[in-house]
Amino acid sequence: MVSYAPFFHTLKEKNISIYTLIQKKGINSNTINCIKKGKSITTYTLDNLCKALNCQIYDIIEYLPDEESKPQNEDM
């Protein structure tokens, strides 16, 4: 699963509001809604966010393995 927790941490760290992203950096409000709801965004959008925030992709998203995909120990 992909988490956008780093995105919100980066906003706070850089002291940038969502309002600023939308009004001054040209990020679409639908993009912010998708991020808030944990929906997918395009690599084009990731690129725009990285430019607007002057950061790396890992400052916006992170991969968290699903519990189902983790190997389970087998009893012998």
N, C-alpha and C. Protein backbone atom coordinates (compact mmCIF):
# COMPACT_ATOMS: atom_id res chain seq x y z
N MET A 1 0.84 -1.16 0.00
CA MET A 1 0.00 0.00 0.00
C MET A 1 0.90 1.24 0.00
N VAL A 2 0.42 2.27 -0.61
CA VAL A 2 1.15 3.54 -0.67
C VAL A 2 0.56 4.49 0.36
N SER A 3 1.43 5.16 1.11
CA SER A 3 1.00 6.12 2.12
C SER A 3 1.50 7.50 1.72
N TYR A 4 0.64 8.48 1.96
CA TYR A 4 1.00 9.87 1.70
C TYR A 4 1.41 10.61 2.99
N ALA A 5 1.65 9.87 4.05
CA ALA A 5 2.05 10.50 5.31
C ALA A 5 3.28 11.40 5.15
N PRO A 6 4.27 10.99 4.34
CA PRO A 6 5.42 11.90 4.16
C PRO A 6 5.04 13.25 3.55
N PHE A 7 4.02 13.27 2.71
CA PHE A 7 3.57 14.52 2.08
C PHE A 7 3.16 15.53 3.15
N PHE A 8 2.34 15.08 4.10
CA PHE A 8 1.86 15.99 5.13
C PHE A 8 3.00 16.40 6.08
N HIS A 9 3.92 15.49 6.31
CA HIS A 9 5.09 15.81 7.13
C HIS A 9 5.95 16.87 6.41
N THR A 10 6.12 16.71 5.11
CA THR A 10 6.92 17.65 4.32
C THR A 10 6.27 19.03 4.32
N LEU A 11 4.94 19.07 4.16
CA LEU A 11 4.25 20.37 4.21
C LEU A 11 4.52 21.06 5.53
N LYS A 12 4.38 20.32 6.62
CA LYS A 12 4.60 20.90 7.94
C LYS A 12 6.05 21.34 8.12
N GLU A 13 6.98 20.50 7.70
CA GLU A 13 8.40 20.79 7.83
C GLU A 13 8.79 22.04 7.05
N LYS A 14 8.21 22.22 5.87
CA LYS A 14 8.54 23.37 5.03
C LYS A 14 7.62 24.56 5.28
N ASN A 15 6.68 24.38 6.22
CA ASN A 15 5.74 25.43 6.57
C ASN A 15 4.97 25.93 5.35
N ILE A 16 4.45 24.99 4.57
CA ILE A 16 3.67 25.31 3.38
C ILE A 16 2.25 24.78 3.59
N SER A 17 1.27 25.63 3.36
CA SER A 17 -0.12 25.21 3.54
C SER A 17 -0.67 24.62 2.24
N ILE A 18 -1.75 23.88 2.38
CA ILE A 18 -2.43 23.35 1.21
C ILE A 18 -2.95 24.51 0.35
N TYR A 19 -3.41 25.58 0.99
CA TYR A 19 -3.85 26.76 0.28
C TYR A 19 -2.74 27.30 -0.63
N THR A 20 -1.53 27.38 -0.11
CA THR A 20 -0.39 27.86 -0.88
C THR A 20 -0.12 26.94 -2.06
N LEU A 21 -0.18 25.64 -1.83
CA LEU A 21 0.04 24.70 -2.94
C LEU A 21 -0.96 24.93 -4.07
N ILE A 22 -2.20 25.13 -3.70
CA ILE A 22 -3.25 25.29 -4.71
C ILE A 22 -3.18 26.68 -5.37
N GLN A 23 -3.14 27.73 -4.56
CA GLN A 23 -3.22 29.09 -5.09
C GLN A 23 -1.93 29.62 -5.68
N LYS A 24 -0.80 29.28 -5.07
CA LYS A 24 0.46 29.88 -5.51
C LYS A 24 1.36 28.93 -6.28
N LYS A 25 1.19 27.63 -6.09
CA LYS A 25 2.05 26.66 -6.76
C LYS A 25 1.33 25.94 -7.89
N GLY A 26 0.02 26.19 -8.06
CA GLY A 26 -0.73 25.64 -9.18
C GLY A 26 -1.10 24.17 -9.07
N ILE A 27 -1.10 23.62 -7.86
CA ILE A 27 -1.50 22.23 -7.68
C ILE A 27 -3.02 22.18 -7.64
N ASN A 28 -3.59 21.25 -8.40
CA ASN A 28 -5.04 21.12 -8.49
C ASN A 28 -5.63 20.64 -7.17
N SER A 29 -6.76 21.21 -6.79
CA SER A 29 -7.40 20.82 -5.52
C SER A 29 -7.86 19.36 -5.56
N ASN A 30 -8.17 18.84 -6.74
CA ASN A 30 -8.54 17.43 -6.85
C ASN A 30 -7.36 16.52 -6.48
N THR A 31 -6.16 16.97 -6.79
CA THR A 31 -4.96 16.22 -6.41
C THR A 31 -4.87 16.12 -4.89
N ILE A 32 -5.10 17.22 -4.23
CA ILE A 32 -5.05 17.23 -2.76
C ILE A 32 -6.13 16.32 -2.20
N ASN A 33 -7.32 16.34 -2.79
CA ASN A 33 -8.39 15.45 -2.33
C ASN A 33 -8.02 13.99 -2.52
N CYS A 34 -7.40 13.66 -3.64
CA CYS A 34 -6.95 12.28 -3.87
C CYS A 34 -5.93 11.86 -2.82
N ILE A 35 -5.01 12.74 -2.51
CA ILE A 35 -3.99 12.44 -1.51
C ILE A 35 -4.64 12.24 -0.15
N LYS A 36 -5.56 13.11 0.22
CA LYS A 36 -6.24 13.00 1.51
C LYS A 36 -7.00 11.69 1.63
N LYS A 37 -7.56 11.20 0.52
CA LYS A 37 -8.35 9.97 0.53
C LYS A 37 -7.51 8.73 0.25
N GLY A 38 -6.20 8.92 0.03
CA GLY A 38 -5.32 7.79 -0.22
C GLY A 38 -5.47 7.18 -1.60
N LYS A 39 -6.02 7.94 -2.54
CA LYS A 39 -6.18 7.45 -3.91
C LYS A 39 -4.90 7.65 -4.70
N SER A 40 -4.85 7.03 -5.86
CA SER A 40 -3.63 7.12 -6.67
C SER A 40 -3.52 8.47 -7.36
N ILE A 41 -2.27 8.86 -7.60
CA ILE A 41 -1.97 10.04 -8.40
C ILE A 41 -0.93 9.62 -9.45
N THR A 42 -0.82 10.40 -10.50
CA THR A 42 0.08 10.04 -11.59
C THR A 42 1.52 10.45 -11.28
N THR A 43 2.44 9.88 -12.04
CA THR A 43 3.85 10.27 -11.89
C THR A 43 4.03 11.72 -12.33
N TYR A 44 3.22 12.18 -13.26
CA TYR A 44 3.24 13.58 -13.68
C TYR A 44 2.91 14.48 -12.48
N THR A 45 1.90 14.09 -11.72
CA THR A 45 1.50 14.84 -10.53
C THR A 45 2.59 14.79 -9.47
N LEU A 46 3.19 13.61 -9.29
CA LEU A 46 4.31 13.49 -8.34
C LEU A 46 5.44 14.43 -8.72
N ASP A 47 5.73 14.50 -10.01
CA ASP A 47 6.76 15.40 -10.50
C ASP A 47 6.43 16.85 -10.16
N ASN A 48 5.18 17.24 -10.40
CA ASN A 48 4.75 18.61 -10.10
C ASN A 48 4.83 18.92 -8.60
N LEU A 49 4.45 17.94 -7.78
CA LEU A 49 4.54 18.14 -6.33
C LEU A 49 5.99 18.28 -5.88
N CYS A 50 6.86 17.46 -6.45
CA CYS A 50 8.29 17.55 -6.11
C CYS A 50 8.85 18.93 -6.49
N LYS A 51 8.46 19.43 -7.64
CA LYS A 51 8.91 20.76 -8.06
C LYS A 51 8.35 21.84 -7.14
N ALA A 52 7.07 21.74 -6.83
CA ALA A 52 6.42 22.76 -5.99
C ALA A 52 6.99 22.79 -4.58
N LEU A 53 7.34 21.61 -4.07
CA LEU A 53 7.85 21.51 -2.70
C LEU A 53 9.37 21.45 -2.63
N ASN A 54 10.01 21.42 -3.80
CA ASN A 54 11.47 21.29 -3.87
C ASN A 54 11.94 20.12 -3.01
N CYS A 55 11.41 18.93 -3.35
CA CYS A 55 11.71 17.74 -2.55
C CYS A 55 11.83 16.51 -3.45
N GLN A 56 12.06 15.37 -2.85
CA GLN A 56 12.17 14.10 -3.55
C GLN A 56 10.86 13.32 -3.41
N ILE A 57 10.68 12.31 -4.25
CA ILE A 57 9.46 11.50 -4.22
C ILE A 57 9.22 10.90 -2.84
N TYR A 58 10.29 10.45 -2.18
CA TYR A 58 10.12 9.83 -0.87
C TYR A 58 9.66 10.82 0.19
N ASP A 59 9.68 12.12 -0.14
CA ASP A 59 9.13 13.13 0.76
C ASP A 59 7.63 13.30 0.57
N ILE A 60 7.07 12.57 -0.40
CA ILE A 60 5.64 12.65 -0.71
C ILE A 60 4.93 11.33 -0.46
N ILE A 61 5.55 10.23 -0.88
CA ILE A 61 4.93 8.92 -0.71
C ILE A 61 5.91 7.92 -0.11
N GLU A 62 5.34 6.87 0.46
CA GLU A 62 6.15 5.75 0.92
C GLU A 62 5.36 4.47 0.69
N TYR A 63 6.08 3.39 0.49
CA TYR A 63 5.45 2.09 0.30
C TYR A 63 5.43 1.33 1.61
N LEU A 64 4.25 0.86 1.97
CA LEU A 64 4.08 0.04 3.16
C LEU A 64 3.51 -1.31 2.72
N PRO A 65 4.23 -2.39 2.93
CA PRO A 65 3.72 -3.70 2.51
C PRO A 65 2.42 -4.04 3.23
N ASP A 66 1.50 -4.65 2.50
CA ASP A 66 0.25 -5.12 3.10
C ASP A 66 0.55 -6.28 4.02
N GLU A 67 -0.24 -6.42 5.05
CA GLU A 67 -0.07 -7.53 5.98
C GLU A 67 -0.25 -8.87 5.25
N GLU A 68 -1.16 -8.91 4.27
CA GLU A 68 -1.44 -10.14 3.53
C GLU A 68 -0.25 -10.61 2.71
N SER A 69 0.58 -9.69 2.25
CA SER A 69 1.68 -10.06 1.37
C SER A 69 2.94 -10.46 2.12
N LYS A 70 2.94 -10.29 3.45
CA LYS A 70 4.08 -10.69 4.23
C LYS A 70 4.10 -12.21 4.38
N PRO A 71 5.27 -12.84 4.20
CA PRO A 71 5.32 -14.29 4.37
C PRO A 71 5.03 -14.68 5.82
N GLN A 72 4.28 -15.77 5.95
CA GLN A 72 3.95 -16.25 7.27
C GLN A 72 4.85 -17.42 7.64
N ASN A 73 5.19 -17.51 8.89
CA ASN A 73 6.02 -18.63 9.36
C ASN A 73 5.18 -19.89 9.40
N GLU A 74 5.76 -20.94 8.89
CA GLU A 74 5.05 -22.22 8.92
C GLU A 74 5.53 -23.02 10.11
N ASP A 75 4.59 -23.64 10.83
CA ASP A 75 4.97 -24.51 11.95
C ASP A 75 5.39 -25.85 11.40
N MET A 76 6.47 -26.40 11.93
CA MET A 76 6.96 -27.69 11.47
C MET A 76 6.68 -28.74 12.47
